Each structure stands twice: as structure tokens, then as C-alpha cells.
PDB file of N, CA and C in Angstrom:
ATOM      1  N   MET A   1     -31.891 -26.501  -0.799  1.00  0.00           N
ATOM      2  CA  MET A   1     -30.494 -26.709  -0.230  1.00  0.00           C
ATOM      3  C   MET A   1     -29.193 -26.301  -1.283  1.00  0.00           C
ATOM      4  N   LEU A   2     -29.193 -26.407  -2.426  1.00  0.00           N
ATOM      5  CA  LEU A   2     -28.314 -26.502  -3.316  1.00  0.00           C
ATOM      6  C   LEU A   2     -27.945 -25.054  -3.464  1.00  0.00           C
ATOM      7  N   LYS A   3     -28.906 -24.404  -3.347  1.00  0.00           N
ATOM      8  CA  LYS A   3     -29.017 -22.311  -3.416  1.00  0.00           C
ATOM      9  C   LYS A   3     -27.692 -22.314  -2.212  1.00  0.00           C
ATOM     10  N   LYS A   4     -28.460 -22.867  -1.018  1.00  0.00           N
ATOM     11  CA  LYS A   4     -27.186 -22.965  -0.086  1.00  0.00           C
ATOM     12  C   LYS A   4     -26.003 -22.778  -0.164  1.00  0.00           C
ATOM     13  N   VAL A   5     -26.016 -24.238  -0.707  1.00  0.00           N
ATOM     14  CA  VAL A   5     -24.347 -24.077  -0.648  1.00  0.00           C
ATOM     15  C   VAL A   5     -23.835 -23.837  -1.557  1.00  0.00           C
ATOM     16  N   LEU A   6     -24.399 -22.831  -2.868  1.00  0.00           N
ATOM     17  CA  LEU A   6     -23.676 -22.420  -4.060  1.00  0.00           C
ATOM     18  C   LEU A   6     -23.344 -21.037  -3.046  1.00  0.00           C
ATOM     19  N   LEU A   7     -24.569 -20.280  -2.294  1.00  0.00           N
ATOM     20  CA  LEU A   7     -24.735 -18.971  -1.794  1.00  0.00           C
ATOM     21  C   LEU A   7     -23.240 -19.458  -0.520  1.00  0.00           C
ATOM     22  N   ILE A   8     -23.047 -20.014   0.386  1.00  0.00           N
ATOM     23  CA  ILE A   8     -22.212 -20.410   1.061  1.00  0.00           C
ATOM     24  C   ILE A   8     -20.449 -20.586   0.126  1.00  0.00           C
ATOM     25  N   ALA A   9     -20.340 -21.119  -1.029  1.00  0.00           N
ATOM     26  CA  ALA A   9     -19.393 -21.484  -1.254  1.00  0.00           C
ATOM     27  C   ALA A   9     -18.942 -20.210  -1.822  1.00  0.00           C
ATOM     28  N   GLY A  10     -19.683 -19.351  -2.904  1.00  0.00           N
ATOM     29  CA  GLY A  10     -19.602 -18.415  -3.716  1.00  0.00           C
ATOM     30  C   GLY A  10     -19.302 -16.958  -2.499  1.00  0.00           C
ATOM     31  N   SER A  11     -19.720 -17.098  -1.478  1.00  0.00           N
ATOM     32  CA  SER A  11     -19.364 -16.237  -0.239  1.00  0.00           C
ATOM     33  C   SER A  11     -17.895 -16.730   0.413  1.00  0.00           C
ATOM     34  N   ALA A  12     -17.582 -17.702   0.609  1.00  0.00           N
ATOM     35  CA  ALA A  12     -16.599 -17.870   1.031  1.00  0.00           C
ATOM     36  C   ALA A  12     -15.207 -17.592  -0.263  1.00  0.00           C
ATOM     37  N   MET A  13     -15.622 -17.646  -1.541  1.00  0.00           N
ATOM     38  CA  MET A  13     -14.454 -17.421  -2.706  1.00  0.00           C
ATOM     39  C   MET A  13     -14.310 -15.625  -2.600  1.00  0.00           C
ATOM     40  N   LEU A  14     -15.207 -14.914  -2.659  1.00  0.00           N
ATOM     41  CA  LEU A  14     -15.193 -13.380  -2.220  1.00  0.00           C
ATOM     42  C   LEU A  14     -14.670 -13.248  -0.920  1.00  0.00           C
ATOM     43  N   PHE A  15     -14.631 -13.865  -0.063  1.00  0.00           N
ATOM     44  CA  PHE A  15     -13.662 -13.238   1.336  1.00  0.00           C
ATOM     45  C   PHE A  15     -12.615 -13.830   1.079  1.00  0.00           C
ATOM     46  N   THR A  16     -12.518 -15.072   0.843  1.00  0.00           N
ATOM     47  CA  THR A  16     -10.925 -15.275   0.334  1.00  0.00           C
ATOM     48  C   THR A  16     -10.207 -14.077  -0.047  1.00  0.00           C
ATOM     49  N   GLN A  17     -10.936 -13.858  -1.563  1.00  0.00           N
ATOM     50  CA  GLN A  17     -10.216 -12.651  -2.745  1.00  0.00           C
ATOM     51  C   GLN A  17      -9.898 -11.939  -1.897  1.00  0.00           C
ATOM     52  N   LEU A  18     -10.700 -11.241  -0.779  1.00  0.00           N
ATOM     53  CA  LEU A  18     -10.527  -9.493   0.226  1.00  0.00           C
ATOM     54  C   LEU A  18      -9.454  -9.919   0.903  1.00  0.00           C
ATOM     55  N   ALA A  19      -9.510 -10.963   1.536  1.00  0.00           N
ATOM     56  CA  ALA A  19      -8.519 -11.361   2.859  1.00  0.00           C
ATOM     57  C   ALA A  19      -7.098 -11.604   2.225  1.00  0.00           C
ATOM     58  N   PHE A  20      -6.775 -11.452   0.642  1.00  0.00           N
ATOM     59  CA  PHE A  20      -5.931 -11.948   0.273  1.00  0.00           C
ATOM     60  C   PHE A  20      -5.508 -11.085  -1.073  1.00  0.00           C
ATOM     61  N   ALA A  21      -6.110 -10.247  -0.738  1.00  0.00           N
ATOM     62  CA  ALA A  21      -5.834  -8.585  -1.720  1.00  0.00           C
ATOM     63  C   ALA A  21      -4.293  -8.380  -1.746  1.00  0.00           C
ATOM     64  N   ASP A  22      -3.470  -8.443  -3.377  1.00  0.00           N
ATOM     65  CA  ASP A  22      -2.105  -8.422  -2.942  1.00  0.00           C
ATOM     66  C   ASP A  22      -1.869  -6.858  -3.836  1.00  0.00           C
ATOM     67  N   VAL A  23      -0.550  -6.305  -2.944  1.00  0.00           N
ATOM     68  CA  VAL A  23      -0.565  -4.571  -3.188  1.00  0.00           C
ATOM     69  C   VAL A  23       0.947  -4.734  -4.166  1.00  0.00           C
ATOM     70  N   SER A  24       1.659  -6.110  -4.335  1.00  0.00           N
ATOM     71  CA  SER A  24       2.854  -6.090  -5.342  1.00  0.00           C
ATOM     72  C   SER A  24       2.297  -5.715  -6.513  1.00  0.00           C
ATOM     73  N   GLY A  25       3.374  -4.942  -7.166  1.00  0.00           N
ATOM     74  CA  GLY A  25       3.790  -4.619  -8.576  1.00  0.00           C
ATOM     75  C   GLY A  25       4.684  -3.205  -8.012  1.00  0.00           C
ATOM     76  N   ASP A  26       4.820  -2.372  -9.642  1.00  0.00           N
ATOM     77  CA  ASP A  26       5.464  -1.745  -9.610  1.00  0.00           C
ATOM     78  C   ASP A  26       4.459  -0.037 -10.003  1.00  0.00           C
ATOM     79  N   TRP A  27       4.952   0.936  -8.674  1.00  0.00           N
ATOM     80  CA  TRP A  27       3.761   1.645  -8.379  1.00  0.00           C
ATOM     81  C   TRP A  27       4.405   3.313  -8.458  1.00  0.00           C
ATOM     82  N   ASN A  28       3.229   4.010  -9.145  1.00  0.00           N
ATOM     83  CA  ASN A  28       3.501   5.587  -8.899  1.00  0.00           C
ATOM     84  C   ASN A  28       2.858   6.587  -8.256  1.00  0.00           C
ATOM     85  N   PHE A  29       3.832   6.713  -7.016  1.00  0.00           N
ATOM     86  CA  PHE A  29       2.741   7.303  -5.290  1.00  0.00           C
ATOM     87  C   PHE A  29       2.806   8.464  -6.152  1.00  0.00           C
ATOM     88  N   ALA A  30       1.601   9.555  -5.957  1.00  0.00           N
ATOM     89  CA  ALA A  30       1.478  10.969  -6.327  1.00  0.00           C
ATOM     90  C   ALA A  30       1.223  11.498  -4.886  1.00  0.00           C
ATOM     91  N   VAL A  31       2.004  12.072  -4.477  1.00  0.00           N
ATOM     92  CA  VAL A  31       2.172  12.377  -2.618  1.00  0.00           C
ATOM     93  C   VAL A  31       1.966  13.860  -2.758  1.00  0.00           C
ATOM     94  N   GLU A  32       0.992  14.473  -1.572  1.00  0.00           N
ATOM     95  CA  GLU A  32       0.694  15.420  -1.488  1.00  0.00           C
ATOM     96  C   GLU A  32       1.052  16.015   0.118  1.00  0.00           C
ATOM     97  N   ILE A  33       1.629  16.948   0.539  1.00  0.00           N
ATOM     98  CA  ILE A  33       1.906  17.087   1.579  1.00  0.00           C
ATOM     99  C   ILE A  33       1.568  18.345   1.958  1.00  0.00           C
ATOM    100  N   PRO A  34       0.242  18.712   2.631  1.00  0.00           N
ATOM    101  CA  PRO A  34      -0.216  20.333   3.042  1.00  0.00           C
ATOM    102  C   PRO A  34       1.309  21.152   3.708  1.00  0.00           C
ATOM    103  N   GLY A  35       1.068  21.942   2.983  1.00  0.00           N
ATOM    104  CA  GLY A  35       2.496  23.378   3.337  1.00  0.00           C
ATOM    105  C   GLY A  35       4.115  22.794   2.914  1.00  0.00           C
ATOM    106  N   ALA A  36       3.782  21.872   2.177  1.00  0.00           N
ATOM    107  CA  ALA A  36       5.199  21.037   1.480  1.00  0.00           C
ATOM    108  C   ALA A  36       4.982  21.286   0.045  1.00  0.00           C
ATOM    109  N   GLY A  37       3.662  21.420  -0.189  1.00  0.00           N
ATOM    110  CA  GLY A  37       3.832  20.542  -1.669  1.00  0.00           C
ATOM    111  C   GLY A  37       3.546  19.342  -2.270  1.00  0.00           C
ATOM    112  N   SER A  38       3.562  18.654  -3.598  1.00  0.00           N
ATOM    113  CA  SER A  38       3.314  17.852  -4.053  1.00  0.00           C
ATOM    114  C   SER A  38       4.911  17.029  -4.361  1.00  0.00           C
ATOM    115  N   GLY A  39       4.689  15.951  -5.065  1.00  0.00           N
ATOM    116  CA  GLY A  39       5.695  15.046  -5.778  1.00  0.00           C
ATOM    117  C   GLY A  39       4.946  13.586  -5.982  1.00  0.00           C
ATOM    118  N   ASN A  40       6.322  13.008  -6.803  1.00  0.00           N
ATOM    119  CA  ASN A  40       5.857  11.740  -7.207  1.00  0.00           C
ATOM    120  C   ASN A  40       6.867  10.529  -6.620  1.00  0.00           C
ATOM    121  N   ALA A  41       6.502   9.388  -6.446  1.00  0.00           N
ATOM    122  CA  ALA A  41       7.429   8.573  -5.880  1.00  0.00           C
ATOM    123  C   ALA A  41       7.675   7.405  -6.496  1.00  0.00           C
ATOM    124  N   GLY A  42       8.702   6.381  -7.433  1.00  0.00           N
ATOM    125  CA  GLY A  42       8.148   4.962  -7.319  1.00  0.00           C
ATOM    126  C   GLY A  42       8.292   3.901  -6.512  1.00  0.00           C
ATOM    127  N   VAL A  43       7.474   3.264  -6.175  1.00  0.00           N
ATOM    128  CA  VAL A  43       7.263   2.246  -5.378  1.00  0.00           C
ATOM    129  C   VAL A  43       7.176   0.887  -5.863  1.00  0.00           C
ATOM    130  N   VAL A  44       8.175  -0.277  -5.953  1.00  0.00           N
ATOM    131  CA  VAL A  44       8.039  -1.664  -6.135  1.00  0.00           C
ATOM    132  C   VAL A  44       7.711  -2.407  -4.963  1.00  0.00           C
ATOM    133  N   MET A  45       7.298  -3.154  -4.841  1.00  0.00           N
ATOM    134  CA  MET A  45       6.448  -3.902  -3.904  1.00  0.00           C
ATOM    135  C   MET A  45       6.241  -5.426  -3.892  1.00  0.00           C
ATOM    136  N   GLN A  46       6.684  -6.157  -3.322  1.00  0.00           N
ATOM    137  CA  GLN A  46       6.529  -7.574  -3.661  1.00  0.00           C
ATOM    138  C   GLN A  46       5.758  -8.110  -2.440  1.00  0.00           C
ATOM    139  N   GLN A  47       4.614  -8.784  -2.373  1.00  0.00           N
ATOM    140  CA  GLN A  47       4.127  -9.262  -1.145  1.00  0.00           C
ATOM    141  C   GLN A  47       4.135 -10.701  -0.911  1.00  0.00           C
ATOM    142  N   ALA A  48       4.521 -11.597   0.128  1.00  0.00           N
ATOM    143  CA  ALA A  48       4.644 -12.798  -0.055  1.00  0.00           C
ATOM    144  C   ALA A  48       3.033 -13.202   0.783  1.00  0.00           C
ATOM    145  N   ALA A  49       3.022 -14.801   0.453  1.00  0.00           N
ATOM    146  CA  ALA A  49       1.844 -15.274   0.922  1.00  0.00           C
ATOM    147  C   ALA A  49       1.122 -14.686   2.346  1.00  0.00           C
ATOM    148  N   ASP A  50       2.298 -14.745   3.486  1.00  0.00           N
ATOM    149  CA  ASP A  50       1.809 -14.392   4.868  1.00  0.00           C
ATOM    150  C   ASP A  50       1.606 -12.986   5.138  1.00  0.00           C
ATOM    151  N   GLY A  51       1.834 -12.112   3.986  1.00  0.00           N
ATOM    152  CA  GLY A  51       1.442 -11.082   3.985  1.00  0.00           C
ATOM    153  C   GLY A  51       2.843 -10.159   3.934  1.00  0.00           C
ATOM    154  N   THR A  52       3.492 -10.638   4.214  1.00  0.00           N
ATOM    155  CA  THR A  52       4.951  -9.603   3.955  1.00  0.00           C
ATOM    156  C   THR A  52       5.245  -8.808   2.842  1.00  0.00           C
ATOM    157  N   ILE A  53       5.819  -7.686   3.194  1.00  0.00           N
ATOM    158  CA  ILE A  53       5.932  -6.597   2.017  1.00  0.00           C
ATOM    159  C   ILE A  53       7.536  -6.234   2.463  1.00  0.00           C
ATOM    160  N   THR A  54       8.083  -6.573   0.854  1.00  0.00           N
ATOM    161  CA  THR A  54       8.993  -5.927   0.703  1.00  0.00           C
ATOM    162  C   THR A  54       9.924  -5.447  -0.564  1.00  0.00           C
ATOM    163  N   GLY A  55      10.458  -4.194  -0.601  1.00  0.00           N
ATOM    164  CA  GLY A  55      10.166  -3.102  -1.641  1.00  0.00           C
ATOM    165  C   GLY A  55      11.376  -2.265  -1.681  1.00  0.00           C
ATOM    166  N   LYS A  56      11.430  -1.243  -2.953  1.00  0.00           N
ATOM    167  CA  LYS A  56      12.018  -0.215  -2.911  1.00  0.00           C
ATOM    168  C   LYS A  56      11.400   0.753  -3.154  1.00  0.00           C
ATOM    169  N   TYR A  57      12.118   2.264  -2.626  1.00  0.00           N
ATOM    170  CA  TYR A  57      11.181   3.111  -2.583  1.00  0.00           C
ATOM    171  C   TYR A  57      12.286   4.532  -3.941  1.00  0.00           C
ATOM    172  N   SER A  58      11.974   5.158  -4.575  1.00  0.00           N
ATOM    173  CA  SER A  58      12.877   5.672  -5.121  1.00  0.00           C
ATOM    174  C   SER A  58      11.881   7.208  -5.806  1.00  0.00           C
ATOM    175  N   GLY A  59      12.451   8.114  -4.706  1.00  0.00           N
ATOM    176  CA  GLY A  59      11.753   9.366  -4.701  1.00  0.00           C
ATOM    177  C   GLY A  59      12.449  10.612  -4.795  1.00  0.00           C
ATOM    178  N   GLN A  60      11.723  11.892  -4.456  1.00  0.00           N
ATOM    179  CA  GLN A  60      11.959  13.395  -3.577  1.00  0.00           C
ATOM    180  C   GLN A  60      13.385  13.305  -2.476  1.00  0.00           C
ATOM    181  N   LEU A  61      12.679  12.011  -1.540  1.00  0.00           N
ATOM    182  CA  LEU A  61      13.037  11.940  -0.235  1.00  0.00           C
ATOM    183  C   LEU A  61      14.440  10.736  -0.174  1.00  0.00           C
ATOM    184  N   GLY A  62      14.759  10.583  -1.893  1.00  0.00           N
ATOM    185  CA  GLY A  62      16.061   9.501  -1.794  1.00  0.00           C
ATOM    186  C   GLY A  62      15.502   8.268  -2.009  1.00  0.00           C
ATOM    187  N   ASN A  63      16.336   6.798  -2.339  1.00  0.00           N
ATOM    188  CA  ASN A  63      16.220   5.591  -2.823  1.00  0.00           C
ATOM    189  C   ASN A  63      16.143   4.935  -1.245  1.00  0.00           C
ATOM    190  N   ALA A  64      15.444   3.907  -0.987  1.00  0.00           N
ATOM    191  CA  ALA A  64      15.670   3.006   0.008  1.00  0.00           C
ATOM    192  C   ALA A  64      14.593   1.550  -0.463  1.00  0.00           C
ATOM    193  N   ASP A  65      15.335   0.478   0.501  1.00  0.00           N
ATOM    194  CA  ASP A  65      14.768  -0.473   0.599  1.00  0.00           C
ATOM    195  C   ASP A  65      13.648  -0.618   1.711  1.00  0.00           C
ATOM    196  N   PHE A  66      12.870  -1.453   1.732  1.00  0.00           N
ATOM    197  CA  PHE A  66      11.894  -1.593   3.007  1.00  0.00           C
ATOM    198  C   PHE A  66      11.155  -2.633   3.208  1.00  0.00           C
ATOM    199  N   THR A  67      10.614  -2.428   4.615  1.00  0.00           N
ATOM    200  CA  THR A  67      10.022  -3.935   4.863  1.00  0.00           C
ATOM    201  C   THR A  67       8.771  -3.196   5.221  1.00  0.00           C
ATOM    202  N   GLY A  68       7.713  -4.366   5.370  1.00  0.00           N
ATOM    203  CA  GLY A  68       6.108  -3.994   5.651  1.00  0.00           C
ATOM    204  C   GLY A  68       5.260  -4.875   5.926  1.00  0.00           C
ATOM    205  N   LYS A  69       3.810  -4.777   5.913  1.00  0.00           N
ATOM    206  CA  LYS A  69       2.865  -5.838   6.461  1.00  0.00           C
ATOM    207  C   LYS A  69       1.719  -5.592   5.389  1.00  0.00           C
ATOM    208  N   ALA A  70       0.960  -6.499   4.916  1.00  0.00           N
ATOM    209  CA  ALA A  70      -0.086  -6.355   4.584  1.00  0.00           C
ATOM    210  C   ALA A  70      -1.129  -7.190   5.250  1.00  0.00           C
ATOM    211  N   ASP A  71      -2.452  -6.934   5.526  1.00  0.00           N
ATOM    212  CA  ASP A  71      -3.729  -7.712   6.023  1.00  0.00           C
ATOM    213  C   ASP A  71      -4.734  -7.439   5.568  1.00  0.00           C
ATOM    214  N   GLY A  72      -5.563  -7.943   4.943  1.00  0.00           N
ATOM    215  CA  GLY A  72      -6.674  -8.210   4.101  1.00  0.00           C
ATOM    216  C   GLY A  72      -6.501  -6.886   3.104  1.00  0.00           C
ATOM    217  N   ASN A  73      -7.261  -6.059   3.166  1.00  0.00           N
ATOM    218  CA  ASN A  73      -6.912  -4.505   1.636  1.00  0.00           C
ATOM    219  C   ASN A  73      -5.879  -3.394   2.123  1.00  0.00           C
ATOM    220  N   ALA A  74      -5.763  -3.905   3.870  1.00  0.00           N
ATOM    221  CA  ALA A  74      -4.958  -2.616   4.246  1.00  0.00           C
ATOM    222  C   ALA A  74      -2.830  -2.833   4.316  1.00  0.00           C
ATOM    223  N   PHE A  75      -2.565  -1.848   4.059  1.00  0.00           N
ATOM    224  CA  PHE A  75      -0.885  -2.285   4.114  1.00  0.00           C
ATOM    225  C   PHE A  75      -0.160  -1.111   4.781  1.00  0.00           C
ATOM    226  N   GLU A  76       1.204  -1.483   5.196  1.00  0.00           N
ATOM    227  CA  GLU A  76       1.944  -0.426   5.739  1.00  0.00           C
ATOM    228  C   GLU A  76       3.157  -0.749   5.693  1.00  0.00           C
ATOM    229  N   PHE A  77       4.285   0.237   5.478  1.00  0.00           N
ATOM    230  CA  PHE A  77       5.883  -0.075   5.155  1.00  0.00           C
ATOM    231  C   PHE A  77       6.489   1.203   5.681  1.00  0.00           C
ATOM    232  N   THR A  78       7.478   1.269   6.560  1.00  0.00           N
ATOM    233  CA  THR A  78       8.342   2.091   6.990  1.00  0.00           C
ATOM    234  C   THR A  78       9.508   2.009   6.256  1.00  0.00           C
ATOM    235  N   LEU A  79      10.106   3.421   5.702  1.00  0.00           N
ATOM    236  CA  LEU A  79      11.462   3.416   5.420  1.00  0.00           C
ATOM    237  C   LEU A  79      12.309   4.746   5.644  1.00  0.00           C
ATOM    238  N   ALA A  80      14.015   4.746   5.923  1.00  0.00           N
ATOM    239  CA  ALA A  80      14.297   5.153   5.975  1.00  0.00           C
ATOM    240  C   ALA A  80      15.205   6.418   5.281  1.00  0.00           C
ATOM    241  N   SER A  81      14.655   7.848   4.867  1.00  0.00           N
ATOM    242  CA  SER A  81      15.259   8.573   3.812  1.00  0.00           C
ATOM    243  C   SER A  81      16.104   9.649   4.329  1.00  0.00           C
ATOM    244  N   GLN A  82      16.402  10.407   4.356  1.00  0.00           N
ATOM    245  CA  GLN A  82      17.514  11.521   4.359  1.00  0.00           C
ATOM    246  C   GLN A  82      16.968  12.612   5.629  1.00  0.00           C
ATOM    247  N   MET A  83      15.755  12.269   5.307  1.00  0.00           N
ATOM    248  CA  MET A  83      14.844  13.174   6.350  1.00  0.00           C
ATOM    249  C   MET A  83      13.804  12.672   7.295  1.00  0.00           C
ATOM    250  N   GLY A  84      14.652  11.081   7.782  1.00  0.00           N
ATOM    251  CA  GLY A  84      14.215  10.918   8.611  1.00  0.00           C
ATOM    252  C   GLY A  84      13.173   9.834   8.232  1.00  0.00           C
ATOM    253  N   SER A  85      12.577   8.538   9.217  1.00  0.00           N
ATOM    254  CA  SER A  85      12.116   7.872   9.431  1.00  0.00           C
ATOM    255  C   SER A  85      10.395   8.296   8.202  1.00  0.00           C
ATOM    256  N   ILE A  86       9.992   7.651   7.264  1.00  0.00           N
ATOM    257  CA  ILE A  86       8.551   7.790   6.993  1.00  0.00           C
ATOM    258  C   ILE A  86       8.034   6.335   6.783  1.00  0.00           C
ATOM    259  N   LYS A  87       6.549   6.387   7.572  1.00  0.00           N
ATOM    260  CA  LYS A  87       5.622   5.728   7.270  1.00  0.00           C
ATOM    261  C   LYS A  87       4.612   5.513   6.389  1.00  0.00           C
ATOM    262  N   TYR A  88       4.413   4.768   5.566  1.00  0.00           N
ATOM    263  CA  TYR A  88       3.016   4.974   4.406  1.00  0.00           C
ATOM    264  C   TYR A  88       1.834   3.648   4.868  1.00  0.00           C
ATOM    265  N   ALA A  89       1.198   3.975   5.006  1.00  0.00           N
ATOM    266  CA  ALA A  89      -0.250   2.921   5.499  1.00  0.00           C
ATOM    267  C   ALA A  89      -1.581   3.617   4.408  1.00  0.00           C
ATOM    268  N   GLY A  90      -2.024   2.437   3.853  1.00  0.00           N
ATOM    269  CA  GLY A  90      -3.091   2.643   3.218  1.00  0.00           C
ATOM    270  C   GLY A  90      -3.812   1.637   2.722  1.00  0.00           C
ATOM    271  N   GLU A  91      -4.420   1.459   1.691  1.00  0.00           N
ATOM    272  CA  GLU A  91      -6.271   0.188   1.072  1.00  0.00           C
ATOM    273  C   GLU A  91      -5.725  -0.081  -0.258  1.00  0.00           C
ATOM    274  N   LEU A  92      -5.861  -0.891  -0.454  1.00  0.00           N
ATOM    275  CA  LEU A  92      -5.917  -1.381  -1.954  1.00  0.00           C
ATOM    276  C   LEU A  92      -7.448  -1.419  -1.907  1.00  0.00           C
ATOM    277  N   GLN A  93      -7.850  -0.103  -3.152  1.00  0.00           N
ATOM    278  CA  GLN A  93      -8.811   0.162  -3.897  1.00  0.00           C
ATOM    279  C   GLN A  93      -9.282  -0.595  -4.178  1.00  0.00           C
ATOM    280  N   ALA A  94     -11.392  -0.685  -4.561  1.00  0.00           N
ATOM    281  CA  ALA A  94     -11.869  -1.719  -5.552  1.00  0.00           C
ATOM    282  C   ALA A  94     -11.367  -1.425  -6.633  1.00  0.00           C
ATOM    283  N   ASP A  95     -10.867  -0.076  -7.409  1.00  0.00           N
ATOM    284  CA  ASP A  95     -10.068   0.279  -8.539  1.00  0.00           C
ATOM    285  C   ASP A  95      -9.171   0.214  -8.980  1.00  0.00           C
ATOM    286  N   GLY A  96      -8.347  -0.594  -7.839  1.00  0.00           N
ATOM    287  CA  GLY A  96      -7.038  -1.348  -7.884  1.00  0.00           C
ATOM    288  C   GLY A  96      -6.100   0.010  -7.825  1.00  0.00           C
ATOM    289  N   THR A  97      -6.385   0.464  -7.298  1.00  0.00           N
ATOM    290  CA  THR A  97      -5.478   2.498  -6.484  1.00  0.00           C
ATOM    291  C   THR A  97      -4.929   2.074  -5.366  1.00  0.00           C
ATOM    292  N   LEU A  98      -4.155   1.966  -4.744  1.00  0.00           N
ATOM    293  CA  LEU A  98      -4.116   2.858  -3.451  1.00  0.00           C
ATOM    294  C   LEU A  98      -4.048   3.972  -2.838  1.00  0.00           C
ATOM    295  N   LYS A  99      -4.396   4.007  -1.428  1.00  0.00           N
ATOM    296  CA  LYS A  99      -5.363   4.993  -1.237  1.00  0.00           C
ATOM    297  C   LYS A  99      -4.334   5.185   0.583  1.00  0.00           C
ATOM    298  N   GLY A 100      -3.620   6.387   0.479  1.00  0.00           N
ATOM    299  CA  GLY A 100      -3.462   6.448   2.335  1.00  0.00           C
ATOM    300  C   GLY A 100      -2.409   7.812   2.966  1.00  0.00           C
ATOM    301  N   THR A 101      -2.174   7.120   3.927  1.00  0.00           N
ATOM    302  CA  THR A 101      -1.665   8.169   4.368  1.00  0.00           C
ATOM    303  C   THR A 101       0.049   8.161   4.360  1.00  0.00           C
ATOM    304  N   LEU A 102       0.917   9.046   4.836  1.00  0.00           N
ATOM    305  CA  LEU A 102       2.419   9.059   5.188  1.00  0.00           C
ATOM    306  C   LEU A 102       2.796   9.779   6.175  1.00  0.00           C
ATOM    307  N   ASN A 103       3.384   9.526   7.320  1.00  0.00           N
ATOM    308  CA  ASN A 103       3.926  10.270   8.417  1.00  0.00           C
ATOM    309  C   ASN A 103       5.671  10.567   8.166  1.00  0.00           C
ATOM    310  N   LEU A 104       5.781  11.850   8.433  1.00  0.00           N
ATOM    311  CA  LEU A 104       7.013  12.434   8.195  1.00  0.00           C
ATOM    312  C   LEU A 104       7.393  12.435  10.203  1.00  0.00           C
ATOM    313  N   GLY A 105       6.986  12.085  10.716  1.00  0.00           N
ATOM    314  CA  GLY A 105       7.610  12.399  11.835  1.00  0.00           C
ATOM    315  C   GLY A 105       7.391  14.391  12.689  1.00  0.00           C
ATOM    316  N   ASP A 106       8.681  14.498  13.185  1.00  0.00           N
ATOM    317  CA  ASP A 106       8.082  15.793  12.960  1.00  0.00           C
ATOM    318  C   ASP A 106       8.044  17.135  12.277  1.00  0.00           C
ATOM    319  N   MET A 107       8.208  16.510  10.695  1.00  0.00           N
ATOM    320  CA  MET A 107       7.520  17.172   9.425  1.00  0.00           C
ATOM    321  C   MET A 107       6.277  17.341   8.786  1.00  0.00           C
ATOM    322  N   GLY A 108       5.596  16.831   9.706  1.00  0.00           N
ATOM    323  CA  GLY A 108       3.957  16.471   9.047  1.00  0.00           C
ATOM    324  C   GLY A 108       3.735  15.216   8.494  1.00  0.00           C
ATOM    325  N   GLN A 109       2.437  15.457   7.959  1.00  0.00           N
ATOM    326  CA  GLN A 109       1.830  13.802   7.691  1.00  0.00           C
ATOM    327  C   GLN A 109       1.281  14.377   5.978  1.00  0.00           C
ATOM    328  N   GLY A 110       1.205  13.624   5.384  1.00  0.00           N
ATOM    329  CA  GLY A 110       0.308  13.523   3.969  1.00  0.00           C
ATOM    330  C   GLY A 110      -0.390  12.709   3.799  1.00  0.00           C
ATOM    331  N   ASN A 111      -1.109  12.902   2.420  1.00  0.00           N
ATOM    332  CA  ASN A 111      -1.850  11.565   1.610  1.00  0.00           C
ATOM    333  C   ASN A 111      -1.434  11.360   0.388  1.00  0.00           C
ATOM    334  N   PHE A 112      -1.198  10.186  -0.044  1.00  0.00           N
ATOM    335  CA  PHE A 112      -1.048   9.612  -1.618  1.00  0.00           C
ATOM    336  C   PHE A 112      -1.436   8.653  -1.914  1.00  0.00           C
ATOM    337  N   VAL A 113      -1.966   8.656  -3.867  1.00  0.00           N
ATOM    338  CA  VAL A 113      -2.707   7.850  -4.238  1.00  0.00           C
ATOM    339  C   VAL A 113      -1.763   6.647  -5.168  1.00  0.00           C
ATOM    340  N   GLY A 114      -1.529   5.803  -5.093  1.00  0.00           N
ATOM    341  CA  GLY A 114      -0.623   5.163  -5.829  1.00  0.00           C
ATOM    342  C   GLY A 114      -1.596   4.320  -7.175  1.00  0.00           C
ATOM    343  N   THR A 115      -0.728   4.520  -8.361  1.00  0.00           N
ATOM    344  CA  THR A 115      -1.236   3.770  -9.483  1.00  0.00           C
ATOM    345  C   THR A 115      -0.371   2.657  -9.933  1.00  0.00           C
ATOM    346  N   LYS A 116      -0.665   1.765 -10.310  1.00  0.00           N
ATOM    347  CA  LYS A 116       0.138   0.606 -11.232  1.00  0.00           C
ATOM    348  C   LYS A 116       0.863   1.276 -12.531  1.00  0.00           C
ATOM    349  N   LYS A 117       2.170   1.308 -12.684  1.00  0.00           N
ATOM    350  CA  LYS A 117       2.373   1.491 -13.860  1.00  0.00           C
ATOM    351  C   LYS A 117       2.003   0.591 -14.960  1.00  0.00           C
TER     352      LYS A 117
END
């Protein structure tokens, strides 16, 4: 009986940790856009307890504040740049990196990998 209780408690703790992964921090995003090249952007994010994300983007497409949402390991945010609206969507990986895609509307799509500074 004690083993079952410990197993259930351990599973609940693991689930809680996964459900509330936090993407807060100062990140370097390495961005690759097929046909357009690659570059880096600085992204500072703060995640609230309800999953709301606020942050600042600084890169080749300008500087912008943004808001977004995190749910479990997944997150997304949209920012307005000099090239138009850019949507980032990704996941926090087991190794602590962020990986995902960015959508530049008519200008195409790309991929990014984020590492903490």
C-alpha cells in the first residue's frame, strides 16, 4: 500500500513540474529562415503563474515588446516588427533549450533554437 501511495505522489509531482515548465529568462535565439539566411535575436521573457508571457525582442528585425502564452512545455508569442507581424511558437526541451518555428506571414517561415544566456 505504501508503495502505491509513493508512486502516486511521485507521479503527481512529476506531472506538476511538467505542467508548469517556465520559459522565463534571457535567451539567445538562433534563427534560420530557408532562402533568407540566419541570424540571432535576444529574447527576454517573463512567465506569470497563469502562463501569460511578457517580453522584449531585440534582433535584425528591430526591437519590440510582446505578449504570449505558455501551456505545459509549449509557448507562443507574437511581436510587431518593421517587417510585419512575427509569430514564434515552440517548446521547452528536456535539455533546457527552446525549439520551434517562426511565421513571418507572406515572407515565409523558419526555425529557431533558444539557449539561455
